[in-house]
Amino acid sequence: MANSKRDLFLKRRLRVRNKLRKMADGRLRLSVHRSNKNISVQLIDDVKGVTLASASSLEAALGVVGKNNVEAAAKVGAAIAERAKQAGVETCYFDRGGFLFHGKVKALAEAAREGGLKF
């Protein structure tokens, strides 16, 4: 029986997240969500269950409101790296969810790495 795109996405997301949980070792999780109109990222402490920092293309301060392209993703990645530094975070692991690591997700990750985050 053929799987729908949504079913495949959910399977991929669980597979990625379970692999990351095994090697998490107490590090924080950098979780990405990409929609058709926006991209957002959160720095989450799963042990305490709190979000330490977040960034989104919906923020007017980033100057990319209404845009969802590679440049907007790079600005969001740079913003999360800066906010992570302010929160005292240097290392984390990158949770791409069910999204493939190319295009906007890859641009966000590379900008976060250039900003000083290690994953």
PDB file of N, CA and C in Angstrom:
ATOM      1  N   MET A   1       0.835  -1.173   0.000  1.00  0.00           N
ATOM      2  CA  MET A   1       0.000   0.000   0.000  1.00  0.00           C
ATOM      3  C   MET A   1       0.884   1.243   0.000  1.00  0.00           C
ATOM      4  N   ALA A   2       0.539   2.218  -0.791  1.00  0.00           N
ATOM      5  CA  ALA A   2       1.341   3.431  -0.913  1.00  0.00           C
ATOM      6  C   ALA A   2       1.154   4.328   0.307  1.00  0.00           C
ATOM      7  N   ASN A   3       2.247   4.882   0.771  1.00  0.00           N
ATOM      8  CA  ASN A   3       2.198   5.813   1.895  1.00  0.00           C
ATOM      9  C   ASN A   3       1.989   7.227   1.376  1.00  0.00           C
ATOM     10  N   SER A   4       1.276   8.022   2.133  1.00  0.00           N
ATOM     11  CA  SER A   4       1.099   9.416   1.752  1.00  0.00           C
ATOM     12  C   SER A   4       2.365  10.194   2.095  1.00  0.00           C
ATOM     13  N   LYS A   5       2.493  11.378   1.561  1.00  0.00           N
ATOM     14  CA  LYS A   5       3.648  12.213   1.853  1.00  0.00           C
ATOM     15  C   LYS A   5       3.735  12.515   3.345  1.00  0.00           C
ATOM     16  N   ARG A   6       2.592  12.740   3.953  1.00  0.00           N
ATOM     17  CA  ARG A   6       2.547  13.047   5.388  1.00  0.00           C
ATOM     18  C   ARG A   6       3.041  11.858   6.217  1.00  0.00           C
ATOM     19  N   ASP A   7       2.616  10.662   5.857  1.00  0.00           N
ATOM     20  CA  ASP A   7       3.059   9.466   6.579  1.00  0.00           C
ATOM     21  C   ASP A   7       4.572   9.286   6.457  1.00  0.00           C
ATOM     22  N   LEU A   8       5.096   9.506   5.265  1.00  0.00           N
ATOM     23  CA  LEU A   8       6.535   9.380   5.060  1.00  0.00           C
ATOM     24  C   LEU A   8       7.293  10.439   5.866  1.00  0.00           C
ATOM     25  N   PHE A   9       6.747  11.659   5.912  1.00  0.00           N
ATOM     26  CA  PHE A   9       7.358  12.737   6.685  1.00  0.00           C
ATOM     27  C   PHE A   9       7.401  12.368   8.167  1.00  0.00           C
ATOM     28  N   LEU A  10       6.292  11.865   8.700  1.00  0.00           N
ATOM     29  CA  LEU A  10       6.228  11.509  10.113  1.00  0.00           C
ATOM     30  C   LEU A  10       7.182  10.364  10.456  1.00  0.00           C
ATOM     31  N   LYS A  11       7.289   9.377   9.573  1.00  0.00           N
ATOM     32  CA  LYS A  11       8.238   8.283   9.786  1.00  0.00           C
ATOM     33  C   LYS A  11       9.668   8.803   9.793  1.00  0.00           C
ATOM     34  N   ARG A  12       9.974   9.683   8.851  1.00  0.00           N
ATOM     35  CA  ARG A  12      11.320  10.250   8.752  1.00  0.00           C
ATOM     36  C   ARG A  12      11.631  11.071  10.004  1.00  0.00           C
ATOM     37  N   ARG A  13      10.652  11.851  10.486  1.00  0.00           N
ATOM     38  CA  ARG A  13      10.864  12.681  11.670  1.00  0.00           C
ATOM     39  C   ARG A  13      11.153  11.817  12.898  1.00  0.00           C
ATOM     40  N   LEU A  14      10.382  10.757  13.082  1.00  0.00           N
ATOM     41  CA  LEU A  14      10.621   9.878  14.223  1.00  0.00           C
ATOM     42  C   LEU A  14      11.968   9.179  14.115  1.00  0.00           C
ATOM     43  N   ARG A  15      12.342   8.755  12.925  1.00  0.00           N
ATOM     44  CA  ARG A  15      13.621   8.083  12.721  1.00  0.00           C
ATOM     45  C   ARG A  15      14.775   9.018  13.074  1.00  0.00           C
ATOM     46  N   VAL A  16      14.714  10.249  12.604  1.00  0.00           N
ATOM     47  CA  VAL A  16      15.771  11.220  12.874  1.00  0.00           C
ATOM     48  C   VAL A  16      15.834  11.536  14.360  1.00  0.00           C
ATOM     49  N   ARG A  17      14.698  11.804  14.966  1.00  0.00           N
ATOM     50  CA  ARG A  17      14.673  12.208  16.370  1.00  0.00           C
ATOM     51  C   ARG A  17      15.132  11.070  17.287  1.00  0.00           C
ATOM     52  N   ASN A  18      14.756   9.838  16.983  1.00  0.00           N
ATOM     53  CA  ASN A  18      15.185   8.720  17.814  1.00  0.00           C
ATOM     54  C   ASN A  18      16.683   8.484  17.713  1.00  0.00           C
ATOM     55  N   LYS A  19      17.256   8.652  16.529  1.00  0.00           N
ATOM     56  CA  LYS A  19      18.707   8.518  16.379  1.00  0.00           C
ATOM     57  C   LYS A  19      19.429   9.596  17.165  1.00  0.00           C
ATOM     58  N   LEU A  20      18.887  10.817  17.131  1.00  0.00           N
ATOM     59  CA  LEU A  20      19.522  11.917  17.846  1.00  0.00           C
ATOM     60  C   LEU A  20      19.413  11.746  19.359  1.00  0.00           C
ATOM     61  N   ARG A  21      18.304  11.222  19.827  1.00  0.00           N
ATOM     62  CA  ARG A  21      18.131  11.014  21.273  1.00  0.00           C
ATOM     63  C   ARG A  21      19.170  10.042  21.820  1.00  0.00           C
ATOM     64  N   LYS A  22      19.533   9.049  21.027  1.00  0.00           N
ATOM     65  CA  LYS A  22      20.504   8.056  21.480  1.00  0.00           C
ATOM     66  C   LYS A  22      21.870   8.668  21.712  1.00  0.00           C
ATOM     67  N   MET A  23      22.224   9.668  20.926  1.00  0.00           N
ATOM     68  CA  MET A  23      23.540  10.271  21.058  1.00  0.00           C
ATOM     69  C   MET A  23      23.501  11.677  21.650  1.00  0.00           C
ATOM     70  N   ALA A  24      22.375  12.075  22.224  1.00  0.00           N
ATOM     71  CA  ALA A  24      22.202  13.438  22.729  1.00  0.00           C
ATOM     72  C   ALA A  24      23.184  13.763  23.843  1.00  0.00           C
ATOM     73  N   ASP A  25      23.333  12.874  24.817  1.00  0.00           N
ATOM     74  CA  ASP A  25      24.299  13.036  25.900  1.00  0.00           C
ATOM     75  C   ASP A  25      24.112  14.356  26.644  1.00  0.00           C
ATOM     76  N   GLY A  26      22.866  14.750  26.880  1.00  0.00           N
ATOM     77  CA  GLY A  26      22.589  15.951  27.662  1.00  0.00           C
ATOM     78  C   GLY A  26      22.731  17.265  26.915  1.00  0.00           C
ATOM     79  N   ARG A  27      23.044  17.218  25.634  1.00  0.00           N
ATOM     80  CA  ARG A  27      23.171  18.457  24.869  1.00  0.00           C
ATOM     81  C   ARG A  27      21.796  19.011  24.527  1.00  0.00           C
ATOM     82  N   LEU A  28      21.765  20.267  24.158  1.00  0.00           N
ATOM     83  CA  LEU A  28      20.527  20.909  23.753  1.00  0.00           C
ATOM     84  C   LEU A  28      20.192  20.540  22.314  1.00  0.00           C
ATOM     85  N   ARG A  29      18.928  20.722  21.965  1.00  0.00           N
ATOM     86  CA  ARG A  29      18.453  20.362  20.625  1.00  0.00           C
ATOM     87  C   ARG A  29      18.105  21.632  19.861  1.00  0.00           C
ATOM     88  N   LEU A  30      18.629  21.759  18.653  1.00  0.00           N
ATOM     89  CA  LEU A  30      18.298  22.858  17.756  1.00  0.00           C
ATOM     90  C   LEU A  30      17.274  22.326  16.763  1.00  0.00           C
ATOM     91  N   SER A  31      16.013  22.647  17.009  1.00  0.00           N
ATOM     92  CA  SER A  31      14.905  22.073  16.255  1.00  0.00           C
ATOM     93  C   SER A  31      14.419  23.052  15.192  1.00  0.00           C
ATOM     94  N   VAL A  32      14.290  22.564  13.956  1.00  0.00           N
ATOM     95  CA  VAL A  32      13.895  23.391  12.819  1.00  0.00           C
ATOM     96  C   VAL A  32      12.485  23.025  12.376  1.00  0.00           C
ATOM     97  N   HIS A  33      11.707  24.049  12.056  1.00  0.00           N
ATOM     98  CA  HIS A  33      10.410  23.827  11.436  1.00  0.00           C
ATOM     99  C   HIS A  33      10.308  24.724  10.209  1.00  0.00           C
ATOM    100  N   ARG A  34       9.959  24.120   9.096  1.00  0.00           N
ATOM    101  CA  ARG A  34       9.844  24.854   7.840  1.00  0.00           C
ATOM    102  C   ARG A  34       8.427  24.662   7.307  1.00  0.00           C
ATOM    103  N   SER A  35       7.780  25.773   6.996  1.00  0.00           N
ATOM    104  CA  SER A  35       6.467  25.697   6.361  1.00  0.00           C
ATOM    105  C   SER A  35       6.592  26.317   4.974  1.00  0.00           C
ATOM    106  N   ASN A  36       5.490  26.420   4.277  1.00  0.00           N
ATOM    107  CA  ASN A  36       5.538  27.023   2.956  1.00  0.00           C
ATOM    108  C   ASN A  36       5.808  28.523   3.017  1.00  0.00           C
ATOM    109  N   LYS A  37       5.447  29.163   4.131  1.00  0.00           N
ATOM    110  CA  LYS A  37       5.584  30.619   4.221  1.00  0.00           C
ATOM    111  C   LYS A  37       6.676  31.092   5.164  1.00  0.00           C
ATOM    112  N   ASN A  38       7.091  30.271   6.124  1.00  0.00           N
ATOM    113  CA  ASN A  38       8.040  30.704   7.148  1.00  0.00           C
ATOM    114  C   ASN A  38       8.990  29.578   7.521  1.00  0.00           C
ATOM    115  N   ILE A  39      10.045  29.980   8.230  1.00  0.00           N
ATOM    116  CA  ILE A  39      10.970  29.009   8.806  1.00  0.00           C
ATOM    117  C   ILE A  39      11.286  29.470  10.217  1.00  0.00           C
ATOM    118  N   SER A  40      11.335  28.535  11.136  1.00  0.00           N
ATOM    119  CA  SER A  40      11.622  28.885  12.527  1.00  0.00           C
ATOM    120  C   SER A  40      12.534  27.837  13.127  1.00  0.00           C
ATOM    121  N   VAL A  41      13.222  28.234  14.195  1.00  0.00           N
ATOM    122  CA  VAL A  41      14.167  27.352  14.858  1.00  0.00           C
ATOM    123  C   VAL A  41      14.121  27.652  16.358  1.00  0.00           C
ATOM    124  N   GLN A  42      14.268  26.588  17.163  1.00  0.00           N
ATOM    125  CA  GLN A  42      14.263  26.723  18.613  1.00  0.00           C
ATOM    126  C   GLN A  42      15.441  25.964  19.201  1.00  0.00           C
ATOM    127  N   LEU A  43      15.994  26.499  20.257  1.00  0.00           N
ATOM    128  CA  LEU A  43      17.034  25.834  21.024  1.00  0.00           C
ATOM    129  C   LEU A  43      16.376  25.305  22.289  1.00  0.00           C
ATOM    130  N   ILE A  44      16.231  23.974  22.382  1.00  0.00           N
ATOM    131  CA  ILE A  44      15.405  23.357  23.412  1.00  0.00           C
ATOM    132  C   ILE A  44      16.260  22.513  24.355  1.00  0.00           C
ATOM    133  N   ASP A  45      16.015  22.658  25.650  1.00  0.00           N
ATOM    134  CA  ASP A  45      16.602  21.793  26.663  1.00  0.00           C
ATOM    135  C   ASP A  45      15.562  20.734  26.995  1.00  0.00           C
ATOM    136  N   ASP A  46      15.774  19.513  26.492  1.00  0.00           N
ATOM    137  CA  ASP A  46      14.789  18.444  26.675  1.00  0.00           C
ATOM    138  C   ASP A  46      14.756  17.919  28.108  1.00  0.00           C
ATOM    139  N   VAL A  47      15.842  18.066  28.846  1.00  0.00           N
ATOM    140  CA  VAL A  47      15.871  17.581  30.224  1.00  0.00           C
ATOM    141  C   VAL A  47      14.939  18.424  31.090  1.00  0.00           C
ATOM    142  N   LYS A  48      15.044  19.746  30.957  1.00  0.00           N
ATOM    143  CA  LYS A  48      14.199  20.653  31.739  1.00  0.00           C
ATOM    144  C   LYS A  48      12.866  20.934  31.060  1.00  0.00           C
ATOM    145  N   GLY A  49      12.802  20.707  29.757  1.00  0.00           N
ATOM    146  CA  GLY A  49      11.569  20.965  29.023  1.00  0.00           C
ATOM    147  C   GLY A  49      11.327  22.438  28.758  1.00  0.00           C
ATOM    148  N   VAL A  50      12.400  23.188  28.487  1.00  0.00           N
ATOM    149  CA  VAL A  50      12.265  24.623  28.235  1.00  0.00           C
ATOM    150  C   VAL A  50      12.957  25.002  26.930  1.00  0.00           C
ATOM    151  N   THR A  51      12.466  26.074  26.333  1.00  0.00           N
ATOM    152  CA  THR A  51      13.082  26.654  25.151  1.00  0.00           C
ATOM    153  C   THR A  51      13.967  27.806  25.600  1.00  0.00           C
ATOM    154  N   LEU A  52      15.257  27.742  25.279  1.00  0.00           N
ATOM    155  CA  LEU A  52      16.204  28.769  25.710  1.00  0.00           C
ATOM    156  C   LEU A  52      16.281  29.935  24.735  1.00  0.00           C
ATOM    157  N   ALA A  53      16.130  29.646  23.447  1.00  0.00           N
ATOM    158  CA  ALA A  53      16.213  30.702  22.442  1.00  0.00           C
ATOM    159  C   ALA A  53      15.430  30.264  21.215  1.00  0.00           C
ATOM    160  N   SER A  54      14.939  31.234  20.479  1.00  0.00           N
ATOM    161  CA  SER A  54      14.227  30.919  19.244  1.00  0.00           C
ATOM    162  C   SER A  54      14.410  32.058  18.256  1.00  0.00           C
ATOM    163  N   ALA A  55      14.184  31.747  16.995  1.00  0.00           N
ATOM    164  CA  ALA A  55      14.240  32.740  15.928  1.00  0.00           C
ATOM    165  C   ALA A  55      13.294  32.285  14.828  1.00  0.00           C
ATOM    166  N   SER A  56      12.717  33.256  14.138  1.00  0.00           N
ATOM    167  CA  SER A  56      11.739  32.940  13.107  1.00  0.00           C
ATOM    168  C   SER A  56      11.775  33.999  12.023  1.00  0.00           C
ATOM    169  N   SER A  57      11.351  33.604  10.825  1.00  0.00           N
ATOM    170  CA  SER A  57      11.262  34.575   9.731  1.00  0.00           C
ATOM    171  C   SER A  57      10.074  35.499   9.915  1.00  0.00           C
ATOM    172  N   LEU A  58       9.258  35.286  10.936  1.00  0.00           N
ATOM    173  CA  LEU A  58       8.136  36.176  11.235  1.00  0.00           C
ATOM    174  C   LEU A  58       8.559  37.428  12.003  1.00  0.00           C
ATOM    175  N   GLU A  59       9.776  37.443  12.529  1.00  0.00           N
ATOM    176  CA  GLU A  59      10.253  38.570  13.322  1.00  0.00           C
ATOM    177  C   GLU A  59      10.586  39.751  12.417  1.00  0.00           C
ATOM    178  N   ALA A  60      10.021  40.896  12.738  1.00  0.00           N
ATOM    179  CA  ALA A  60      10.243  42.096  11.928  1.00  0.00           C
ATOM    180  C   ALA A  60      11.694  42.569  12.015  1.00  0.00           C
ATOM    181  N   ALA A  61      12.364  42.307  13.137  1.00  0.00           N
ATOM    182  CA  ALA A  61      13.737  42.765  13.328  1.00  0.00           C
ATOM    183  C   ALA A  61      14.712  42.123  12.338  1.00  0.00           C
ATOM    184  N   LEU A  62      14.402  40.952  11.849  1.00  0.00           N
ATOM    185  CA  LEU A  62      15.290  40.275  10.896  1.00  0.00           C
ATOM    186  C   LEU A  62      15.128  40.809   9.484  1.00  0.00           C
ATOM    187  N   GLY A  63      14.019  41.462   9.210  1.00  0.00           N
ATOM    188  CA  GLY A  63      13.804  42.059   7.900  1.00  0.00           C
ATOM    189  C   GLY A  63      13.451  41.091   6.798  1.00  0.00           C
ATOM    190  N   VAL A  64      12.918  39.927   7.155  1.00  0.00           N
ATOM    191  CA  VAL A  64      12.573  38.934   6.133  1.00  0.00           C
ATOM    192  C   VAL A  64      11.117  38.500   6.241  1.00  0.00           C
ATOM    193  N   VAL A  65      10.279  39.345   6.839  1.00  0.00           N
ATOM    194  CA  VAL A  65       8.872  38.987   7.023  1.00  0.00           C
ATOM    195  C   VAL A  65       8.215  38.803   5.657  1.00  0.00           C
ATOM    196  N   GLY A  66       7.517  37.708   5.508  1.00  0.00           N
ATOM    197  CA  GLY A  66       6.836  37.424   4.249  1.00  0.00           C
ATOM    198  C   GLY A  66       7.704  36.733   3.220  1.00  0.00           C
ATOM    199  N   LYS A  67       8.949  36.431   3.594  1.00  0.00           N
ATOM    200  CA  LYS A  67       9.850  35.756   2.664  1.00  0.00           C
ATOM    201  C   LYS A  67      10.213  34.394   3.230  1.00  0.00           C
ATOM    202  N   ASN A  68      10.276  33.425   2.379  1.00  0.00           N
ATOM    203  CA  ASN A  68      10.709  32.092   2.782  1.00  0.00           C
ATOM    204  C   ASN A  68      11.644  31.576   1.703  1.00  0.00           C
ATOM    205  N   ASN A  69      12.887  32.025   1.781  1.00  0.00           N
ATOM    206  CA  ASN A  69      13.877  31.602   0.812  1.00  0.00           C
ATOM    207  C   ASN A  69      15.191  31.299   1.536  1.00  0.00           C
ATOM    208  N   VAL A  70      16.206  30.982   0.793  1.00  0.00           N
ATOM    209  CA  VAL A  70      17.483  30.595   1.380  1.00  0.00           C
ATOM    210  C   VAL A  70      18.103  31.754   2.153  1.00  0.00           C
ATOM    211  N   GLU A  71      17.966  32.971   1.649  1.00  0.00           N
ATOM    212  CA  GLU A  71      18.530  34.131   2.334  1.00  0.00           C
ATOM    213  C   GLU A  71      17.842  34.360   3.673  1.00  0.00           C
ATOM    214  N   ALA A  72      16.531  34.204   3.710  1.00  0.00           N
ATOM    215  CA  ALA A  72      15.790  34.352   4.964  1.00  0.00           C
ATOM    216  C   ALA A  72      16.216  33.280   5.963  1.00  0.00           C
ATOM    217  N   ALA A  73      16.404  32.060   5.490  1.00  0.00           N
ATOM    218  CA  ALA A  73      16.833  30.974   6.367  1.00  0.00           C
ATOM    219  C   ALA A  73      18.223  31.252   6.931  1.00  0.00           C
ATOM    220  N   ALA A  74      19.096  31.826   6.129  1.00  0.00           N
ATOM    221  CA  ALA A  74      20.441  32.154   6.600  1.00  0.00           C
ATOM    222  C   ALA A  74      20.385  33.229   7.678  1.00  0.00           C
ATOM    223  N   LYS A  75      19.522  34.212   7.531  1.00  0.00           N
ATOM    224  CA  LYS A  75      19.381  35.250   8.554  1.00  0.00           C
ATOM    225  C   LYS A  75      18.833  34.674   9.852  1.00  0.00           C
ATOM    226  N   VAL A  76      17.890  33.751   9.745  1.00  0.00           N
ATOM    227  CA  VAL A  76      17.341  33.100  10.938  1.00  0.00           C
ATOM    228  C   VAL A  76      18.425  32.266  11.618  1.00  0.00           C
ATOM    229  N   GLY A  77      19.256  31.582  10.847  1.00  0.00           N
ATOM    230  CA  GLY A  77      20.358  30.802  11.410  1.00  0.00           C
ATOM    231  C   GLY A  77      21.377  31.664  12.127  1.00  0.00           C
ATOM    232  N   ALA A  78      21.693  32.805  11.554  1.00  0.00           N
ATOM    233  CA  ALA A  78      22.629  33.722  12.206  1.00  0.00           C
ATOM    234  C   ALA A  78      22.025  34.277  13.494  1.00  0.00           C
ATOM    235  N   ALA A  79      20.729  34.553  13.478  1.00  0.00           N
ATOM    236  CA  ALA A  79      20.058  35.089  14.667  1.00  0.00           C
ATOM    237  C   ALA A  79      20.044  34.073  15.801  1.00  0.00           C
ATOM    238  N   ILE A  80      19.787  32.801  15.480  1.00  0.00           N
ATOM    239  CA  ILE A  80      19.748  31.786  16.547  1.00  0.00           C
ATOM    240  C   ILE A  80      21.139  31.558  17.116  1.00  0.00           C
ATOM    241  N   ALA A  81      22.174  31.670  16.297  1.00  0.00           N
ATOM    242  CA  ALA A  81      23.544  31.518  16.798  1.00  0.00           C
ATOM    243  C   ALA A  81      23.887  32.642  17.771  1.00  0.00           C
ATOM    244  N   GLU A  82      23.478  33.842  17.441  1.00  0.00           N
ATOM    245  CA  GLU A  82      23.733  35.000  18.309  1.00  0.00           C
ATOM    246  C   GLU A  82      22.976  34.851  19.631  1.00  0.00           C
ATOM    247  N   ARG A  83      21.729  34.430  19.558  1.00  0.00           N
ATOM    248  CA  ARG A  83      20.912  34.274  20.769  1.00  0.00           C
ATOM    249  C   ARG A  83      21.400  33.107  21.621  1.00  0.00           C
ATOM    250  N   ALA A  84      21.941  32.083  20.991  1.00  0.00           N
ATOM    251  CA  ALA A  84      22.499  30.957  21.741  1.00  0.00           C
ATOM    252  C   ALA A  84      23.742  31.399  22.512  1.00  0.00           C
ATOM    253  N   LYS A  85      24.556  32.237  21.900  1.00  0.00           N
ATOM    254  CA  LYS A  85      25.728  32.768  22.591  1.00  0.00           C
ATOM    255  C   LYS A  85      25.311  33.568  23.816  1.00  0.00           C
ATOM    256  N   GLN A  86      24.258  34.375  23.660  1.00  0.00           N
ATOM    257  CA  GLN A  86      23.766  35.169  24.788  1.00  0.00           C
ATOM    258  C   GLN A  86      23.246  34.278  25.906  1.00  0.00           C
ATOM    259  N   ALA A  87      22.714  33.117  25.548  1.00  0.00           N
ATOM    260  CA  ALA A  87      22.212  32.170  26.550  1.00  0.00           C
ATOM    261  C   ALA A  87      23.325  31.287  27.106  1.00  0.00           C
ATOM    262  N   GLY A  88      24.541  31.426  26.582  1.00  0.00           N
ATOM    263  CA  GLY A  88      25.678  30.653  27.072  1.00  0.00           C
ATOM    264  C   GLY A  88      25.773  29.254  26.494  1.00  0.00           C
ATOM    265  N   VAL A  89      25.256  29.069  25.294  1.00  0.00           N
ATOM    266  CA  VAL A  89      25.264  27.754  24.657  1.00  0.00           C
ATOM    267  C   VAL A  89      26.268  27.756  23.509  1.00  0.00           C
ATOM    268  N   GLU A  90      27.135  26.732  23.492  1.00  0.00           N
ATOM    269  CA  GLU A  90      28.103  26.606  22.404  1.00  0.00           C
ATOM    270  C   GLU A  90      27.858  25.366  21.559  1.00  0.00           C
ATOM    271  N   THR A  91      27.406  24.287  22.202  1.00  0.00           N
ATOM    272  CA  THR A  91      27.196  23.040  21.471  1.00  0.00           C
ATOM    273  C   THR A  91      25.749  22.587  21.597  1.00  0.00           C
ATOM    274  N   CYS A  92      25.280  21.952  20.569  1.00  0.00           N
ATOM    275  CA  CYS A  92      23.927  21.407  20.540  1.00  0.00           C
ATOM    276  C   CYS A  92      23.913  20.331  19.465  1.00  0.00           C
ATOM    277  N   TYR A  93      22.770  19.748  19.237  1.00  0.00           N
ATOM    278  CA  TYR A  93      22.644  18.863  18.086  1.00  0.00           C
ATOM    279  C   TYR A  93      21.503  19.345  17.220  1.00  0.00           C
ATOM    280  N   PHE A  94      21.636  19.130  15.930  1.00  0.00           N
ATOM    281  CA  PHE A  94      20.731  19.688  14.927  1.00  0.00           C
ATOM    282  C   PHE A  94      19.628  18.691  14.627  1.00  0.00           C
ATOM    283  N   ASP A  95      18.394  19.060  14.967  1.00  0.00           N
ATOM    284  CA  ASP A  95      17.231  18.228  14.708  1.00  0.00           C
ATOM    285  C   ASP A  95      16.482  18.814  13.514  1.00  0.00           C
ATOM    286  N   ARG A  96      16.669  18.201  12.370  1.00  0.00           N
ATOM    287  CA  ARG A  96      16.026  18.690  11.160  1.00  0.00           C
ATOM    288  C   ARG A  96      14.595  18.215  11.049  1.00  0.00           C
ATOM    289  N   GLY A  97      14.132  17.416  11.995  1.00  0.00           N
ATOM    290  CA  GLY A  97      12.778  16.876  11.947  1.00  0.00           C
ATOM    291  C   GLY A  97      12.645  15.944  10.758  1.00  0.00           C
ATOM    292  N   GLY A  98      11.579  16.054  10.034  1.00  0.00           N
ATOM    293  CA  GLY A  98      11.376  15.223   8.858  1.00  0.00           C
ATOM    294  C   GLY A  98      11.806  15.909   7.581  1.00  0.00           C
ATOM    295  N   PHE A  99      12.410  17.080   7.707  1.00  0.00           N
ATOM    296  CA  PHE A  99      12.803  17.854   6.530  1.00  0.00           C
ATOM    297  C   PHE A  99      14.148  17.374   6.007  1.00  0.00           C
ATOM    298  N   LEU A 100      14.284  17.350   4.698  1.00  0.00           N
ATOM    299  CA  LEU A 100      15.540  16.945   4.088  1.00  0.00           C
ATOM    300  C   LEU A 100      16.591  18.027   4.286  1.00  0.00           C
ATOM    301  N   PHE A 101      17.852  17.612   4.410  1.00  0.00           N
ATOM    302  CA  PHE A 101      18.940  18.555   4.674  1.00  0.00           C
ATOM    303  C   PHE A 101      19.456  19.123   3.358  1.00  0.00           C
ATOM    304  N   HIS A 102      18.686  20.014   2.777  1.00  0.00           N
ATOM    305  CA  HIS A 102      19.134  20.758   1.608  1.00  0.00           C
ATOM    306  C   HIS A 102      18.301  22.021   1.522  1.00  0.00           C
ATOM    307  N   GLY A 103      18.753  22.959   0.723  1.00  0.00           N
ATOM    308  CA  GLY A 103      18.010  24.196   0.542  1.00  0.00           C
ATOM    309  C   GLY A 103      17.987  25.051   1.789  1.00  0.00           C
ATOM    310  N   LYS A 104      16.790  25.389   2.250  1.00  0.00           N
ATOM    311  CA  LYS A 104      16.617  26.307   3.375  1.00  0.00           C
ATOM    312  C   LYS A 104      17.139  25.727   4.683  1.00  0.00           C
ATOM    313  N   VAL A 105      16.907  24.458   4.909  1.00  0.00           N
ATOM    314  CA  VAL A 105      17.361  23.829   6.153  1.00  0.00           C
ATOM    315  C   VAL A 105      18.887  23.820   6.199  1.00  0.00           C
ATOM    316  N   LYS A 106      19.516  23.520   5.083  1.00  0.00           N
ATOM    317  CA  LYS A 106      20.976  23.512   5.010  1.00  0.00           C
ATOM    318  C   LYS A 106      21.537  24.919   5.185  1.00  0.00           C
ATOM    319  N   ALA A 107      20.898  25.913   4.581  1.00  0.00           N
ATOM    320  CA  ALA A 107      21.358  27.301   4.710  1.00  0.00           C
ATOM    321  C   ALA A 107      21.266  27.759   6.161  1.00  0.00           C
ATOM    322  N   LEU A 108      20.201  27.387   6.850  1.00  0.00           N
ATOM    323  CA  LEU A 108      20.034  27.744   8.256  1.00  0.00           C
ATOM    324  C   LEU A 108      21.143  27.106   9.088  1.00  0.00           C
ATOM    325  N   ALA A 109      21.427  25.832   8.850  1.00  0.00           N
ATOM    326  CA  ALA A 109      22.456  25.122   9.608  1.00  0.00           C
ATOM    327  C   ALA A 109      23.838  25.726   9.371  1.00  0.00           C
ATOM    328  N   GLU A 110      24.157  26.038   8.133  1.00  0.00           N
ATOM    329  CA  GLU A 110      25.468  26.604   7.827  1.00  0.00           C
ATOM    330  C   GLU A 110      25.634  27.985   8.449  1.00  0.00           C
ATOM    331  N   ALA A 111      24.576  28.802   8.438  1.00  0.00           N
ATOM    332  CA  ALA A 111      24.647  30.127   9.055  1.00  0.00           C
ATOM    333  C   ALA A 111      24.804  30.016  10.566  1.00  0.00           C
ATOM    334  N   ALA A 112      24.145  29.044  11.185  1.00  0.00           N
ATOM    335  CA  ALA A 112      24.291  28.840  12.622  1.00  0.00           C
ATOM    336  C   ALA A 112      25.718  28.384  12.958  1.00  0.00           C
ATOM    337  N   ARG A 113      26.298  27.542  12.122  1.00  0.00           N
ATOM    338  CA  ARG A 113      27.682  27.097  12.339  1.00  0.00           C
ATOM    339  C   ARG A 113      28.637  28.269  12.198  1.00  0.00           C
ATOM    340  N   GLU A 114      28.429  29.105  11.190  1.00  0.00           N
ATOM    341  CA  GLU A 114      29.285  30.272  10.993  1.00  0.00           C
ATOM    342  C   GLU A 114      29.157  31.255  12.144  1.00  0.00           C
ATOM    343  N   GLY A 115      27.973  31.281  12.772  1.00  0.00           N
ATOM    344  CA  GLY A 115      27.743  32.150  13.918  1.00  0.00           C
ATOM    345  C   GLY A 115      28.377  31.652  15.206  1.00  0.00           C
ATOM    346  N   GLY A 116      28.888  30.426  15.209  1.00  0.00           N
ATOM    347  CA  GLY A 116      29.607  29.917  16.375  1.00  0.00           C
ATOM    348  C   GLY A 116      28.996  28.699  17.034  1.00  0.00           C
ATOM    349  N   LEU A 117      27.848  28.251  16.604  1.00  0.00           N
ATOM    350  CA  LEU A 117      27.262  27.040  17.187  1.00  0.00           C
ATOM    351  C   LEU A 117      27.995  25.811  16.655  1.00  0.00           C
ATOM    352  N   LYS A 118      28.182  24.834  17.530  1.00  0.00           N
ATOM    353  CA  LYS A 118      28.861  23.596  17.121  1.00  0.00           C
ATOM    354  C   LYS A 118      27.856  22.451  17.171  1.00  0.00           C
ATOM    355  N   PHE A 119      27.656  21.788  16.037  1.00  0.00           N
ATOM    356  CA  PHE A 119      26.841  20.578  15.982  1.00  0.00           C
ATOM    357  C   PHE A 119      27.291  19.727  14.839  1.00  0.00           C
TER     358      PHE A 119
END
